Amino acid sequence: MNTNPITKTTNSKLLLIPRLLAGLPMLGFGMIHFVKPDHFRDILLASGIPMVNVSLYAAPVALVIGAVLLLLGLFARVGGLLGIATMAVAIYSTVILSSMAVADLPIGLTEVPTVPPLPLPVVVTVASLIVLVRGAGHWSLDLKNQSK
């Protein structure tokens, strides 16, 4: 019986839903940020996120790792924590950019970068929080390892 609080989970089949709701968009965001780093850099610069050069690489890595952990249900609580952390920044950026005019942009940017609508990072955050609190559930490697 597994007593590790990070991997401990219930046998609930419903926990697959928040894992998918958080993991799939996170994987998509992470891959897009890897493929289009210039657009991601514009988002970071326009929203005033500090340490742009670090965030440019750290955020996509955190998104992809968190997504894989959530989707596999392996150390899913860690994936949920990564989801909450990355989506908190995404929510902040979305709110800042939604009310930004071209005149407010930092030097070098000519248009406000596009970001997904606010409900998407909010849903990912809530789903990640559910996994963080409840665990990975039935179809997960955490549960499989717990029964050993």
N, C-alpha and C. Protein backbone atom coordinates (compact mmCIF):
# COMPACT_ATOMS: atom_id res chain seq x y z
N MET A 1 0.84 -1.19 0.00
CA MET A 1 0.00 0.00 0.00
C MET A 1 0.88 1.24 0.00
N ASN A 2 0.57 2.17 -0.88
CA ASN A 2 1.33 3.40 -1.03
C ASN A 2 0.87 4.44 -0.01
N THR A 3 1.79 4.95 0.77
CA THR A 3 1.45 6.00 1.73
C THR A 3 2.09 7.34 1.33
N ASN A 4 2.69 7.40 0.16
CA ASN A 4 3.30 8.63 -0.33
C ASN A 4 2.18 9.63 -0.65
N PRO A 5 2.13 10.79 0.02
CA PRO A 5 1.04 11.74 -0.22
C PRO A 5 1.04 12.33 -1.63
N ILE A 6 2.17 12.29 -2.32
CA ILE A 6 2.23 12.85 -3.67
C ILE A 6 1.53 11.94 -4.67
N THR A 7 1.63 10.64 -4.49
CA THR A 7 1.04 9.71 -5.45
C THR A 7 -0.22 9.03 -4.93
N LYS A 8 -0.59 9.27 -3.69
CA LYS A 8 -1.79 8.65 -3.13
C LYS A 8 -3.02 9.15 -3.88
N THR A 9 -3.92 8.26 -4.20
CA THR A 9 -5.11 8.63 -4.96
C THR A 9 -6.27 7.69 -4.63
N THR A 10 -7.44 8.07 -5.08
CA THR A 10 -8.63 7.23 -4.93
C THR A 10 -8.84 6.44 -6.21
N ASN A 11 -9.86 5.61 -6.22
CA ASN A 11 -10.17 4.81 -7.39
C ASN A 11 -11.25 5.48 -8.24
N SER A 12 -11.47 6.76 -8.08
CA SER A 12 -12.53 7.48 -8.80
C SER A 12 -12.22 7.58 -10.29
N LYS A 13 -13.16 7.12 -11.10
CA LYS A 13 -13.01 7.21 -12.56
C LYS A 13 -13.24 8.63 -13.05
N LEU A 14 -13.97 9.43 -12.29
CA LEU A 14 -14.27 10.80 -12.71
C LEU A 14 -13.05 11.70 -12.73
N LEU A 15 -11.99 11.33 -12.03
CA LEU A 15 -10.79 12.18 -11.99
C LEU A 15 -10.04 12.20 -13.32
N LEU A 16 -10.43 11.32 -14.23
CA LEU A 16 -9.84 11.38 -15.57
C LEU A 16 -10.26 12.68 -16.27
N ILE A 17 -11.45 13.16 -15.99
CA ILE A 17 -11.96 14.37 -16.65
C ILE A 17 -11.08 15.59 -16.33
N PRO A 18 -10.83 15.92 -15.06
CA PRO A 18 -9.95 17.07 -14.83
C PRO A 18 -8.52 16.85 -15.31
N ARG A 19 -8.06 15.60 -15.30
CA ARG A 19 -6.72 15.35 -15.83
C ARG A 19 -6.65 15.68 -17.32
N LEU A 20 -7.69 15.31 -18.06
CA LEU A 20 -7.74 15.62 -19.49
C LEU A 20 -7.97 17.10 -19.73
N LEU A 21 -8.87 17.72 -18.93
CA LEU A 21 -9.16 19.15 -19.09
C LEU A 21 -7.93 20.02 -18.82
N ALA A 22 -7.05 19.55 -17.96
CA ALA A 22 -5.83 20.30 -17.66
C ALA A 22 -4.69 19.87 -18.60
N GLY A 23 -4.52 18.58 -18.78
CA GLY A 23 -3.35 18.06 -19.50
C GLY A 23 -3.33 18.36 -20.98
N LEU A 24 -4.46 18.22 -21.66
CA LEU A 24 -4.46 18.44 -23.11
C LEU A 24 -4.17 19.89 -23.49
N PRO A 25 -4.86 20.88 -22.88
CA PRO A 25 -4.49 22.26 -23.23
C PRO A 25 -3.06 22.62 -22.83
N MET A 26 -2.60 22.11 -21.69
CA MET A 26 -1.22 22.40 -21.28
C MET A 26 -0.23 21.86 -22.30
N LEU A 27 -0.48 20.66 -22.79
CA LEU A 27 0.39 20.09 -23.81
C LEU A 27 0.37 20.94 -25.08
N GLY A 28 -0.83 21.36 -25.46
CA GLY A 28 -0.96 22.22 -26.65
C GLY A 28 -0.24 23.55 -26.48
N PHE A 29 -0.46 24.22 -25.33
CA PHE A 29 0.22 25.49 -25.07
C PHE A 29 1.73 25.31 -25.08
N GLY A 30 2.20 24.28 -24.42
CA GLY A 30 3.65 24.04 -24.35
C GLY A 30 4.25 23.82 -25.72
N MET A 31 3.59 23.04 -26.55
CA MET A 31 4.11 22.76 -27.89
C MET A 31 4.09 24.03 -28.75
N ILE A 32 3.02 24.82 -28.64
CA ILE A 32 2.94 26.06 -29.41
C ILE A 32 4.06 27.02 -28.99
N HIS A 33 4.32 27.09 -27.70
CA HIS A 33 5.39 27.98 -27.22
C HIS A 33 6.76 27.51 -27.69
N PHE A 34 6.94 26.20 -27.85
CA PHE A 34 8.20 25.70 -28.40
C PHE A 34 8.32 26.03 -29.89
N VAL A 35 7.21 25.88 -30.61
CA VAL A 35 7.22 26.07 -32.06
C VAL A 35 7.25 27.55 -32.44
N LYS A 36 6.56 28.40 -31.65
CA LYS A 36 6.50 29.84 -31.95
C LYS A 36 7.05 30.65 -30.78
N PRO A 37 8.35 30.54 -30.53
CA PRO A 37 8.91 31.26 -29.38
C PRO A 37 8.83 32.79 -29.52
N ASP A 38 8.84 33.30 -30.76
CA ASP A 38 8.77 34.75 -30.94
C ASP A 38 7.43 35.30 -30.47
N HIS A 39 6.37 34.59 -30.79
CA HIS A 39 5.03 35.02 -30.33
C HIS A 39 4.95 34.95 -28.80
N PHE A 40 5.50 33.90 -28.23
CA PHE A 40 5.48 33.76 -26.77
C PHE A 40 6.31 34.87 -26.12
N ARG A 41 7.44 35.20 -26.73
CA ARG A 41 8.28 36.30 -26.22
C ARG A 41 7.49 37.62 -26.23
N ASP A 42 6.72 37.85 -27.30
CA ASP A 42 5.90 39.06 -27.38
C ASP A 42 4.86 39.10 -26.26
N ILE A 43 4.26 37.96 -25.96
CA ILE A 43 3.28 37.88 -24.87
C ILE A 43 3.96 38.23 -23.55
N LEU A 44 5.11 37.63 -23.31
CA LEU A 44 5.83 37.88 -22.06
C LEU A 44 6.23 39.35 -21.94
N LEU A 45 6.76 39.92 -23.01
CA LEU A 45 7.19 41.32 -22.99
C LEU A 45 6.00 42.26 -22.79
N ALA A 46 4.94 42.05 -23.55
CA ALA A 46 3.78 42.94 -23.49
C ALA A 46 3.10 42.91 -22.14
N SER A 47 3.08 41.75 -21.51
CA SER A 47 2.39 41.65 -20.21
C SER A 47 3.31 41.96 -19.04
N GLY A 48 4.57 42.24 -19.31
CA GLY A 48 5.48 42.66 -18.25
C GLY A 48 5.97 41.54 -17.34
N ILE A 49 6.00 40.32 -17.84
CA ILE A 49 6.51 39.19 -17.06
C ILE A 49 8.03 39.34 -16.92
N PRO A 50 8.55 39.24 -15.71
CA PRO A 50 10.01 39.40 -15.54
C PRO A 50 10.78 38.19 -16.06
N MET A 51 12.06 38.39 -16.27
CA MET A 51 12.98 37.33 -16.72
C MET A 51 12.46 36.63 -17.97
N VAL A 52 12.23 37.42 -19.01
CA VAL A 52 11.65 36.90 -20.25
C VAL A 52 12.48 35.77 -20.82
N ASN A 53 13.79 35.92 -20.84
CA ASN A 53 14.64 34.88 -21.45
C ASN A 53 14.58 33.56 -20.69
N VAL A 54 14.39 33.61 -19.39
CA VAL A 54 14.23 32.38 -18.60
C VAL A 54 12.84 31.80 -18.83
N SER A 55 11.82 32.64 -18.74
CA SER A 55 10.44 32.18 -18.91
C SER A 55 10.19 31.61 -20.30
N LEU A 56 10.90 32.14 -21.29
CA LEU A 56 10.73 31.69 -22.67
C LEU A 56 11.00 30.20 -22.81
N TYR A 57 11.90 29.67 -21.99
CA TYR A 57 12.23 28.24 -22.05
C TYR A 57 11.61 27.46 -20.88
N ALA A 58 11.57 28.08 -19.71
CA ALA A 58 11.08 27.37 -18.53
C ALA A 58 9.58 27.08 -18.61
N ALA A 59 8.81 28.04 -19.09
CA ALA A 59 7.36 27.85 -19.14
C ALA A 59 6.93 26.71 -20.06
N PRO A 60 7.43 26.64 -21.32
CA PRO A 60 7.04 25.50 -22.16
C PRO A 60 7.47 24.15 -21.59
N VAL A 61 8.65 24.11 -20.97
CA VAL A 61 9.11 22.86 -20.36
C VAL A 61 8.18 22.47 -19.21
N ALA A 62 7.82 23.44 -18.37
CA ALA A 62 6.91 23.16 -17.25
C ALA A 62 5.54 22.73 -17.76
N LEU A 63 5.06 23.36 -18.82
CA LEU A 63 3.76 22.98 -19.39
C LEU A 63 3.77 21.55 -19.92
N VAL A 64 4.80 21.20 -20.68
CA VAL A 64 4.85 19.86 -21.28
C VAL A 64 5.05 18.80 -20.20
N ILE A 65 5.95 19.04 -19.25
CA ILE A 65 6.16 18.06 -18.17
C ILE A 65 4.89 17.91 -17.35
N GLY A 66 4.27 19.02 -16.97
CA GLY A 66 3.02 18.96 -16.21
C GLY A 66 1.93 18.22 -16.96
N ALA A 67 1.82 18.49 -18.26
CA ALA A 67 0.80 17.83 -19.07
C ALA A 67 1.02 16.32 -19.13
N VAL A 68 2.26 15.91 -19.36
CA VAL A 68 2.55 14.47 -19.44
C VAL A 68 2.25 13.79 -18.10
N LEU A 69 2.63 14.43 -17.00
CA LEU A 69 2.34 13.85 -15.68
C LEU A 69 0.84 13.73 -15.45
N LEU A 70 0.08 14.75 -15.83
CA LEU A 70 -1.37 14.71 -15.67
C LEU A 70 -1.99 13.64 -16.56
N LEU A 71 -1.60 13.60 -17.81
CA LEU A 71 -2.22 12.66 -18.74
C LEU A 71 -1.90 11.21 -18.39
N LEU A 72 -0.70 10.96 -17.92
CA LEU A 72 -0.35 9.59 -17.50
C LEU A 72 -0.87 9.26 -16.11
N GLY A 73 -1.15 10.29 -15.34
CA GLY A 73 -1.53 10.06 -13.95
C GLY A 73 -0.35 9.60 -13.12
N LEU A 74 0.83 10.04 -13.49
CA LEU A 74 2.05 9.68 -12.79
C LEU A 74 2.55 10.92 -12.07
N PHE A 75 2.62 10.86 -10.75
CA PHE A 75 2.92 12.05 -9.96
C PHE A 75 1.99 13.19 -10.40
N ALA A 76 0.71 12.86 -10.52
CA ALA A 76 -0.28 13.79 -11.06
C ALA A 76 -0.41 15.05 -10.22
N ARG A 77 -0.19 14.93 -8.92
CA ARG A 77 -0.26 16.14 -8.08
C ARG A 77 0.84 17.13 -8.45
N VAL A 78 2.01 16.64 -8.81
CA VAL A 78 3.08 17.52 -9.27
C VAL A 78 2.66 18.18 -10.59
N GLY A 79 2.05 17.41 -11.47
CA GLY A 79 1.53 17.97 -12.72
C GLY A 79 0.47 19.03 -12.46
N GLY A 80 -0.39 18.78 -11.47
CA GLY A 80 -1.40 19.76 -11.11
C GLY A 80 -0.78 21.04 -10.58
N LEU A 81 0.26 20.90 -9.79
CA LEU A 81 0.96 22.08 -9.26
C LEU A 81 1.61 22.88 -10.39
N LEU A 82 2.22 22.18 -11.34
CA LEU A 82 2.80 22.87 -12.51
C LEU A 82 1.71 23.55 -13.33
N GLY A 83 0.56 22.91 -13.43
CA GLY A 83 -0.56 23.52 -14.15
C GLY A 83 -1.05 24.79 -13.48
N ILE A 84 -1.17 24.77 -12.17
CA ILE A 84 -1.62 25.95 -11.43
C ILE A 84 -0.61 27.08 -11.59
N ALA A 85 0.67 26.77 -11.44
CA ALA A 85 1.70 27.81 -11.53
C ALA A 85 1.75 28.44 -12.92
N THR A 86 1.73 27.63 -13.95
CA THR A 86 1.83 28.18 -15.30
C THR A 86 0.55 28.91 -15.71
N MET A 87 -0.58 28.40 -15.29
CA MET A 87 -1.84 29.04 -15.65
C MET A 87 -2.09 30.33 -14.87
N ALA A 88 -1.50 30.46 -13.69
CA ALA A 88 -1.61 31.73 -12.95
C ALA A 88 -0.96 32.84 -13.77
N VAL A 89 0.18 32.55 -14.35
CA VAL A 89 0.85 33.53 -15.21
C VAL A 89 0.05 33.76 -16.49
N ALA A 90 -0.52 32.70 -17.03
CA ALA A 90 -1.33 32.84 -18.25
C ALA A 90 -2.58 33.69 -17.99
N ILE A 91 -3.21 33.49 -16.84
CA ILE A 91 -4.38 34.31 -16.49
C ILE A 91 -3.98 35.77 -16.35
N TYR A 92 -2.88 36.02 -15.65
CA TYR A 92 -2.39 37.39 -15.49
C TYR A 92 -2.12 38.02 -16.85
N SER A 93 -1.41 37.32 -17.72
CA SER A 93 -1.09 37.85 -19.04
C SER A 93 -2.35 38.12 -19.85
N THR A 94 -3.30 37.22 -19.79
CA THR A 94 -4.54 37.39 -20.54
C THR A 94 -5.30 38.62 -20.08
N VAL A 95 -5.37 38.81 -18.77
CA VAL A 95 -6.08 39.97 -18.23
C VAL A 95 -5.37 41.26 -18.64
N ILE A 96 -4.05 41.29 -18.52
CA ILE A 96 -3.28 42.48 -18.89
C ILE A 96 -3.44 42.80 -20.38
N LEU A 97 -3.30 41.78 -21.22
CA LEU A 97 -3.33 42.01 -22.66
C LEU A 97 -4.73 42.32 -23.18
N SER A 98 -5.77 41.87 -22.47
CA SER A 98 -7.13 42.12 -22.95
C SER A 98 -7.51 43.60 -22.86
N SER A 99 -6.86 44.32 -21.98
CA SER A 99 -7.18 45.75 -21.85
C SER A 99 -6.07 46.65 -22.37
N MET A 100 -5.11 46.09 -23.08
CA MET A 100 -3.95 46.85 -23.53
C MET A 100 -4.21 47.44 -24.92
N ALA A 101 -3.79 48.68 -25.08
CA ALA A 101 -3.85 49.35 -26.38
C ALA A 101 -2.47 49.32 -27.01
N VAL A 102 -2.42 49.51 -28.31
CA VAL A 102 -1.14 49.50 -29.03
C VAL A 102 -0.19 50.56 -28.46
N ALA A 103 -0.74 51.67 -28.04
CA ALA A 103 0.10 52.75 -27.48
C ALA A 103 0.77 52.35 -26.17
N ASP A 104 0.22 51.35 -25.47
CA ASP A 104 0.77 50.91 -24.19
C ASP A 104 1.88 49.87 -24.34
N LEU A 105 2.12 49.40 -25.53
CA LEU A 105 3.08 48.32 -25.76
C LEU A 105 4.51 48.78 -25.52
N PRO A 106 5.37 47.85 -25.08
CA PRO A 106 6.79 48.18 -24.95
C PRO A 106 7.39 48.47 -26.33
N ILE A 107 8.49 49.18 -26.33
CA ILE A 107 9.17 49.52 -27.58
C ILE A 107 9.56 48.22 -28.30
N GLY A 108 9.32 48.19 -29.58
CA GLY A 108 9.66 47.03 -30.39
C GLY A 108 8.44 46.19 -30.77
N LEU A 109 7.34 46.34 -30.04
CA LEU A 109 6.12 45.61 -30.38
C LEU A 109 5.16 46.54 -31.10
N THR A 110 4.56 46.04 -32.16
CA THR A 110 3.67 46.87 -32.97
C THR A 110 2.21 46.50 -32.83
N GLU A 111 1.93 45.34 -32.27
CA GLU A 111 0.53 44.95 -32.05
C GLU A 111 0.44 44.12 -30.77
N VAL A 112 -0.76 44.14 -30.18
CA VAL A 112 -0.99 43.39 -28.96
C VAL A 112 -1.04 41.90 -29.32
N PRO A 113 -0.21 41.07 -28.67
CA PRO A 113 -0.21 39.64 -28.98
C PRO A 113 -1.55 38.99 -28.65
N THR A 114 -1.93 38.03 -29.47
CA THR A 114 -3.18 37.32 -29.22
C THR A 114 -2.94 36.22 -28.18
N VAL A 115 -3.92 36.03 -27.34
CA VAL A 115 -3.89 34.98 -26.32
C VAL A 115 -5.24 34.28 -26.31
N PRO A 116 -5.31 33.05 -25.79
CA PRO A 116 -6.59 32.37 -25.71
C PRO A 116 -7.55 33.13 -24.80
N PRO A 117 -8.85 32.91 -24.95
CA PRO A 117 -9.81 33.57 -24.08
C PRO A 117 -9.60 33.18 -22.61
N LEU A 118 -9.92 34.07 -21.71
CA LEU A 118 -9.68 33.88 -20.28
C LEU A 118 -10.27 32.58 -19.70
N PRO A 119 -11.45 32.15 -20.13
CA PRO A 119 -11.99 30.91 -19.53
C PRO A 119 -11.08 29.69 -19.69
N LEU A 120 -10.29 29.63 -20.76
CA LEU A 120 -9.44 28.44 -20.96
C LEU A 120 -8.39 28.28 -19.87
N PRO A 121 -7.55 29.28 -19.57
CA PRO A 121 -6.61 29.07 -18.48
C PRO A 121 -7.29 28.93 -17.11
N VAL A 122 -8.47 29.52 -16.95
CA VAL A 122 -9.20 29.35 -15.69
C VAL A 122 -9.64 27.91 -15.52
N VAL A 123 -10.18 27.31 -16.57
CA VAL A 123 -10.61 25.90 -16.51
C VAL A 123 -9.42 24.99 -16.24
N VAL A 124 -8.29 25.25 -16.90
CA VAL A 124 -7.09 24.44 -16.68
C VAL A 124 -6.63 24.57 -15.22
N THR A 125 -6.71 25.77 -14.67
CA THR A 125 -6.31 25.99 -13.27
C THR A 125 -7.22 25.22 -12.32
N VAL A 126 -8.52 25.30 -12.53
CA VAL A 126 -9.48 24.60 -11.65
C VAL A 126 -9.28 23.09 -11.77
N ALA A 127 -9.12 22.59 -12.99
CA ALA A 127 -8.91 21.15 -13.18
C ALA A 127 -7.60 20.71 -12.52
N SER A 128 -6.57 21.52 -12.63
CA SER A 128 -5.29 21.20 -11.99
C SER A 128 -5.43 21.18 -10.47
N LEU A 129 -6.20 22.10 -9.94
CA LEU A 129 -6.44 22.16 -8.50
C LEU A 129 -7.17 20.91 -8.02
N ILE A 130 -8.14 20.45 -8.79
CA ILE A 130 -8.87 19.23 -8.43
C ILE A 130 -7.91 18.05 -8.35
N VAL A 131 -7.04 17.93 -9.34
CA VAL A 131 -6.07 16.82 -9.34
C VAL A 131 -5.09 16.99 -8.18
N LEU A 132 -4.67 18.22 -7.91
CA LEU A 132 -3.75 18.46 -6.80
C LEU A 132 -4.36 18.00 -5.48
N VAL A 133 -5.63 18.25 -5.29
CA VAL A 133 -6.30 17.90 -4.04
C VAL A 133 -6.70 16.43 -3.98
N ARG A 134 -7.25 15.90 -5.07
CA ARG A 134 -7.83 14.55 -5.05
C ARG A 134 -6.91 13.45 -5.56
N GLY A 135 -5.92 13.78 -6.35
CA GLY A 135 -5.06 12.75 -6.93
C GLY A 135 -5.48 12.41 -8.35
N ALA A 136 -4.87 11.39 -8.90
CA ALA A 136 -5.04 11.07 -10.32
C ALA A 136 -6.26 10.21 -10.63
N GLY A 137 -6.73 9.42 -9.69
CA GLY A 137 -7.91 8.61 -9.93
C GLY A 137 -7.63 7.27 -10.57
N HIS A 138 -8.70 6.69 -11.12
CA HIS A 138 -8.71 5.30 -11.55
C HIS A 138 -7.69 4.97 -12.65
N TRP A 139 -7.79 5.60 -13.79
CA TRP A 139 -6.92 5.25 -14.91
C TRP A 139 -5.62 6.04 -14.81
N SER A 140 -4.80 5.66 -13.85
CA SER A 140 -3.56 6.40 -13.63
C SER A 140 -2.44 5.46 -13.21
N LEU A 141 -1.23 5.89 -13.48
CA LEU A 141 -0.08 5.11 -13.04
C LEU A 141 0.11 5.25 -11.53
N ASP A 142 -0.36 6.36 -10.94
CA ASP A 142 -0.29 6.50 -9.49
C ASP A 142 -1.10 5.41 -8.81
N LEU A 143 -2.31 5.15 -9.29
CA LEU A 143 -3.15 4.10 -8.69
C LEU A 143 -2.55 2.73 -8.93
N LYS A 144 -2.03 2.52 -10.14
CA LYS A 144 -1.40 1.23 -10.45
C LYS A 144 -0.23 0.97 -9.52
N ASN A 145 0.60 1.98 -9.28
CA ASN A 145 1.74 1.83 -8.39
C ASN A 145 1.31 1.71 -6.93
N GLN A 146 0.17 2.31 -6.60
CA GLN A 146 -0.34 2.27 -5.23
C GLN A 146 -0.78 0.87 -4.82
N SER A 147 -1.30 0.11 -5.80
CA SER A 147 -1.83 -1.22 -5.48
C SER A 147 -0.73 -2.27 -5.37
N LYS A 148 0.50 -1.90 -5.69
CA LYS A 148 1.61 -2.87 -5.60
C LYS A 148 2.05 -3.06 -4.17
